[in-house]
Structures are given as structure tokens and as C-alpha cells.
Amino acid sequence: MFIQPWDVGLDDAEWRTWIAEGHDFGQLSVNGLPGHPPIAVPTHFTCDRDHLLIHLARPNPVWKAIEHDPNVIFTVIGDYAFVPGPWRAKAGTPPHDGVPTSYYTAVQFTCRAHIIDDPEAKAELLRRQLAHFQPDGDHAPVAVDQPPYGRMLPGIRGLRLEVTDVLAKFKYDDHKSVGHRAAVADHLTERGQGLDVSTARQQRRRLDRIGLWKS
């Protein structure tokens, strides 16, 4: 993932906080078997210290590829919006001369995948995921010898992704003037489509931390 100097995450706490705010769905990318294209799998995940926890259906074709090469990428993208050219036109130039762009946050994890097949280990993985996604505990116990999960465990395999590197990109025009960034954030909030509001929130947050960007 290419990252301009002004789009770099400010520190580890920034991307960790962003993930913890509910960005828990991403895409697992795995090298394909020889002669085959890469495999991409969209899925929810849970963070567990320096690991990501995932489970997928046993028939998923991704398993053979992971067994062949356990080095994978997991990417999370959010708070994105299209920014039209007129919003980015330089002062004193025709609005139509402005060049459009995309705003977004992307966190990319380089990982080594470890497959989990032991029934109790898979049950523990599901418990950790449910603790995140259903913290109220409104679900049946996850036990290898009790329904409904016990009879379903053979149909899944678990993945523990050992994180070896993290790239964090926050692309919100931080190299432009304070006034420009504030104006675009206002435009996004006013338009209010899709993820415009959350995108504007990220831009204002970065603006408050960075102020005038200096190389």
C-alpha cells in the first residue's frame, strides 16, 4: 500500500483506536496456488493482542492456499468518501479545474496464518469473537459437547493471524491548508451521503492533531 508522508498514521494508538471503534470487518488476501490467482475473503475479525482471530467455513477454497503459503495480508477500510473536484479547486481558479480524490482510512496487517482445527481451540476462538460481537452474552454456551455450536464446529476452521507488520493510511488531504480541510469537512457533513459524516469526523480529528502539515 502506497502512503504519502502526509497520510501516514501519527502513531500506533491512532490505528488501534480506529480499529477498536468498530472497524472489525476486512478482507483476507492469500497468495493463490501455483497457476491460480490470489484469493480474497471478506470477513469479520477480532483483535487479540498481536493476533487477529477469524473463522471460515471448512469448504472455503482459501485453506489449500494458506497451507501452501501462510503469509497473508488482512486489510480494513473505512470512513471513505469521494471528494469532487470543485471542493478542491485552488483559490482564484475556476471550480471545474479542481481535481477530485478519495478520502479513506486503511489499515493493512501483514500476517502469518496459523490454522486451528482442535475442537476446543475453535470453541475458544468463537467465545472470544462472541465476547466482542455480542458482549451482552445473549447466546448459547459455546461448548464442543453442547448444541448448537458443538454440532457446527466440524464445519469450520479457525485462523489465528500473527501480525508481523502494520501499515496505517489516513488519506484526508492533510498536506493542504487548514482552511481548505475545514471547508471540505463542512461540505462532506452537508452532503451527508454514505460515510460522509464519519469521513468528515476523521478529517477534523486529524486537523486538530496536525494543524498545518510540515514536511
Protein backbone atom coordinates (compact mmCIF):
# COMPACT_ATOMS: atom_id res chain seq x y z
CA MET A 1 0.00 0.00 0.00
CA PHE A 2 1.49 3.32 -1.10
CA ILE A 3 1.36 6.03 1.59
CA GLN A 4 2.29 9.67 1.08
CA PRO A 5 4.16 11.27 4.01
CA TRP A 6 1.11 13.34 4.99
CA ASP A 7 -1.16 10.28 5.03
CA VAL A 8 0.94 8.26 7.49
CA GLY A 9 -0.63 7.21 10.78
CA LEU A 10 0.56 9.52 13.55
CA ASP A 11 1.26 6.68 15.98
CA ASP A 12 0.16 3.12 16.77
CA ALA A 13 -2.54 4.40 19.11
CA GLU A 14 -4.27 6.12 16.17
CA TRP A 15 -4.91 2.98 14.14
CA ARG A 16 -5.55 0.84 17.22
CA THR A 17 -8.22 3.29 18.37
CA TRP A 18 -9.75 3.40 14.90
CA ILE A 19 -10.00 -0.41 14.78
CA ALA A 20 -11.44 -0.54 18.30
CA GLU A 21 -14.16 1.97 17.35
CA GLY A 22 -15.97 -0.77 15.45
CA HIS A 23 -13.95 -1.32 12.28
CA ASP A 24 -13.99 -5.09 12.59
CA PHE A 25 -14.69 -6.22 9.03
CA GLY A 26 -11.98 -6.61 6.42
CA GLN A 27 -10.55 -8.63 3.58
CA LEU A 28 -8.15 -11.54 3.87
CA SER A 29 -5.80 -11.77 0.88
CA VAL A 30 -3.91 -15.02 0.27
CA ASN A 31 -1.41 -15.98 -2.42
CA GLY A 32 -3.00 -18.41 -4.87
CA LEU A 33 -1.76 -21.88 -5.60
CA PRO A 34 0.74 -22.10 -8.48
CA GLY A 35 -1.01 -21.14 -11.69
CA HIS A 36 -4.02 -19.68 -9.87
CA PRO A 37 -4.90 -16.08 -8.94
CA PRO A 38 -4.81 -14.77 -5.35
CA ILE A 39 -7.83 -15.43 -3.13
CA ALA A 40 -9.66 -12.63 -1.30
CA VAL A 41 -12.12 -13.39 1.51
CA PRO A 42 -14.31 -10.71 3.17
CA THR A 43 -14.91 -11.48 6.84
CA HIS A 44 -15.38 -10.18 10.35
CA PHE A 45 -12.42 -10.47 12.71
CA THR A 46 -11.48 -9.96 16.33
CA CYS A 47 -8.24 -8.49 17.69
CA ASP A 48 -6.42 -10.46 20.36
CA ARG A 49 -3.26 -8.58 21.36
CA ASP A 50 -0.92 -9.04 18.37
CA HIS A 51 -3.18 -11.51 16.58
CA LEU A 52 -6.35 -11.38 14.51
CA LEU A 53 -8.92 -14.13 15.03
CA ILE A 54 -11.08 -15.41 12.16
CA HIS A 55 -13.21 -18.44 11.41
CA LEU A 56 -14.35 -19.60 7.98
CA ALA A 57 -16.35 -22.47 6.56
CA ARG A 58 -14.36 -25.65 6.01
CA PRO A 59 -15.32 -25.84 2.25
CA ASN A 60 -13.78 -22.40 1.64
CA PRO A 61 -11.10 -22.75 -1.08
CA VAL A 62 -8.78 -20.45 0.87
CA TRP A 63 -7.49 -23.27 3.09
CA LYS A 64 -5.37 -25.01 0.46
CA ALA A 65 -3.80 -21.69 -0.47
CA ILE A 66 -2.98 -20.90 3.17
CA GLU A 67 -1.49 -24.34 3.68
CA HIS A 68 0.69 -23.71 0.63
CA ASP A 69 1.75 -20.22 1.79
CA PRO A 70 0.75 -18.95 5.25
CA ASN A 71 2.00 -15.41 4.58
CA VAL A 72 -1.15 -13.30 4.16
CA ILE A 73 -2.46 -9.74 4.17
CA PHE A 74 -5.55 -8.55 6.02
CA THR A 75 -6.93 -5.12 5.09
CA VAL A 76 -9.56 -2.99 6.83
CA ILE A 77 -11.00 0.04 5.01
CA GLY A 78 -13.50 2.60 6.27
CA ASP A 79 -14.51 6.25 6.66
CA TYR A 80 -14.26 6.76 2.90
CA ALA A 81 -15.84 9.31 0.59
CA PHE A 82 -15.46 10.67 -2.93
CA VAL A 83 -14.40 14.34 -2.90
CA PRO A 84 -15.46 16.16 -6.12
CA GLY A 85 -13.08 18.44 -7.96
CA PRO A 86 -14.80 21.78 -7.25
CA TRP A 87 -14.28 21.23 -3.50
CA ARG A 88 -10.52 21.01 -4.08
CA ALA A 89 -10.04 23.85 -6.56
CA LYS A 90 -7.27 26.27 -5.62
CA ALA A 91 -8.31 29.77 -4.57
CA GLY A 92 -8.70 32.05 -7.56
CA THR A 93 -9.11 29.23 -10.09
CA PRO A 94 -12.30 28.01 -11.80
CA PRO A 95 -14.08 25.35 -9.69
CA HIS A 96 -14.04 22.91 -12.60
CA ASP A 97 -10.22 22.99 -12.55
CA GLY A 98 -10.23 21.22 -9.20
CA VAL A 99 -9.06 17.61 -9.23
CA PRO A 100 -11.23 15.06 -7.38
CA THR A 101 -9.87 12.49 -4.98
CA SER A 102 -10.89 9.81 -2.48
CA TYR A 103 -10.63 10.09 1.28
CA TYR A 104 -10.33 6.93 3.37
CA THR A 105 -8.67 5.13 6.23
CA ALA A 106 -6.93 1.83 5.54
CA VAL A 107 -5.10 -0.42 7.98
CA GLN A 108 -3.18 -3.29 6.42
CA PHE A 109 -1.83 -6.15 8.50
CA THR A 110 0.93 -8.42 7.24
CA CYS A 111 0.45 -11.75 8.99
CA ARG A 112 1.49 -15.35 9.27
CA ALA A 113 -1.57 -17.56 9.37
CA HIS A 114 -1.97 -20.43 11.82
CA ILE A 115 -4.86 -22.82 11.15
CA ILE A 116 -6.89 -24.02 14.15
CA ASP A 117 -8.59 -27.41 13.89
CA ASP A 118 -8.66 -28.59 17.51
CA PRO A 119 -12.36 -28.55 18.59
CA GLU A 120 -11.75 -26.90 21.97
CA ALA A 121 -9.40 -24.32 20.43
CA LYS A 122 -12.06 -23.48 17.83
CA ALA A 123 -14.65 -23.16 20.58
CA GLU A 124 -12.38 -20.76 22.47
CA LEU A 125 -11.90 -18.69 19.31
CA LEU A 126 -15.68 -18.43 18.91
CA ARG A 127 -16.04 -17.43 22.58
CA ARG A 128 -13.58 -14.59 22.04
CA GLN A 129 -15.40 -13.45 18.92
CA LEU A 130 -18.80 -13.58 20.61
CA ALA A 131 -17.43 -11.63 23.58
CA HIS A 132 -16.64 -8.88 21.09
CA PHE A 133 -19.70 -9.01 18.84
CA GLN A 134 -22.31 -9.98 21.47
CA PRO A 135 -20.89 -8.58 24.72
CA ASP A 136 -24.28 -8.91 26.44
CA GLY A 137 -23.80 -12.67 26.34
CA ASP A 138 -27.15 -13.27 24.61
CA HIS A 139 -26.07 -16.55 23.05
CA ALA A 140 -25.90 -20.23 23.92
CA PRO A 141 -22.73 -21.55 25.55
CA VAL A 142 -20.01 -22.40 23.05
CA ALA A 143 -19.06 -25.94 24.03
CA VAL A 144 -17.82 -28.86 21.98
CA ASP A 145 -20.40 -31.21 23.51
CA GLN A 146 -23.46 -28.96 23.55
CA PRO A 147 -25.80 -27.67 20.82
CA PRO A 148 -25.97 -25.59 18.80
CA TYR A 149 -22.25 -24.87 18.45
CA GLY A 150 -20.98 -28.34 19.27
CA ARG A 151 -22.52 -29.89 16.18
CA MET A 152 -21.39 -26.98 13.99
CA LEU A 153 -17.71 -26.87 14.99
CA PRO A 154 -16.66 -29.59 12.49
CA GLY A 155 -17.93 -27.37 9.67
CA ILE A 156 -15.49 -24.53 10.37
CA ARG A 157 -11.77 -23.96 10.75
CA GLY A 158 -10.19 -21.20 12.79
CA LEU A 159 -7.42 -18.81 11.83
CA ARG A 160 -5.04 -17.05 14.16
CA LEU A 161 -3.23 -14.37 12.17
CA GLU A 162 0.08 -13.49 13.79
CA VAL A 163 0.66 -9.81 12.94
CA THR A 164 4.22 -9.11 11.78
CA ASP A 165 3.76 -5.60 10.34
CA VAL A 166 1.11 -2.88 10.17
CA LEU A 167 0.63 -0.09 7.63
CA ALA A 168 -1.87 2.63 8.51
CA LYS A 169 -3.06 5.22 6.00
CA PHE A 170 -5.31 8.19 6.81
CA LYS A 171 -5.91 9.96 3.49
CA TYR A 172 -7.66 13.27 4.23
CA ASP A 173 -5.65 15.97 2.39
CA ASP A 174 -3.53 16.72 5.46
CA HIS A 175 -0.92 18.44 3.26
CA LYS A 176 -3.41 21.16 2.29
CA SER A 177 -4.20 24.31 4.24
CA VAL A 178 -6.19 24.32 7.45
CA GLY A 179 -8.92 26.37 5.80
CA HIS A 180 -9.18 24.01 2.85
CA ARG A 181 -9.51 20.92 5.05
CA ALA A 182 -12.09 22.56 7.28
CA ALA A 183 -14.14 23.61 4.24
CA VAL A 184 -14.09 20.11 2.73
CA ALA A 185 -15.16 18.62 6.07
CA ASP A 186 -18.08 21.05 6.08
CA HIS A 187 -19.01 20.03 2.52
CA LEU A 188 -18.96 16.35 3.50
CA THR A 189 -21.15 16.95 6.54
CA GLU A 190 -23.63 18.96 4.49
CA ARG A 191 -23.80 16.32 1.74
CA GLY A 192 -24.29 13.56 4.31
CA GLN A 193 -24.27 10.59 1.95
CA GLY A 194 -22.86 7.17 2.75
CA LEU A 195 -19.88 7.59 5.09
CA ASP A 196 -19.55 11.35 4.51
CA VAL A 197 -20.14 12.29 8.16
CA SER A 198 -17.67 9.79 9.58
CA THR A 199 -15.15 10.81 6.90
CA ALA A 200 -15.51 14.46 7.90
CA ARG A 201 -15.04 13.43 11.52
CA GLN A 202 -11.73 11.76 10.68
CA GLN A 203 -10.59 14.79 8.71
CA ARG A 204 -11.39 17.16 11.58
CA ARG A 205 -9.70 14.84 14.09
CA ARG A 206 -6.52 14.79 12.02
CA LEU A 207 -6.77 18.55 11.51
CA ASP A 208 -6.91 19.08 15.28
CA ARG A 209 -3.82 16.91 15.83
CA ILE A 210 -1.71 18.05 12.89
CA GLY A 211 -2.74 21.64 12.26
CA LEU A 212 -0.60 22.97 9.44
CA TRP A 213 1.27 20.00 7.97
CA LYS A 214 5.04 20.40 7.78
CA SER A 215 7.31 18.14 5.75
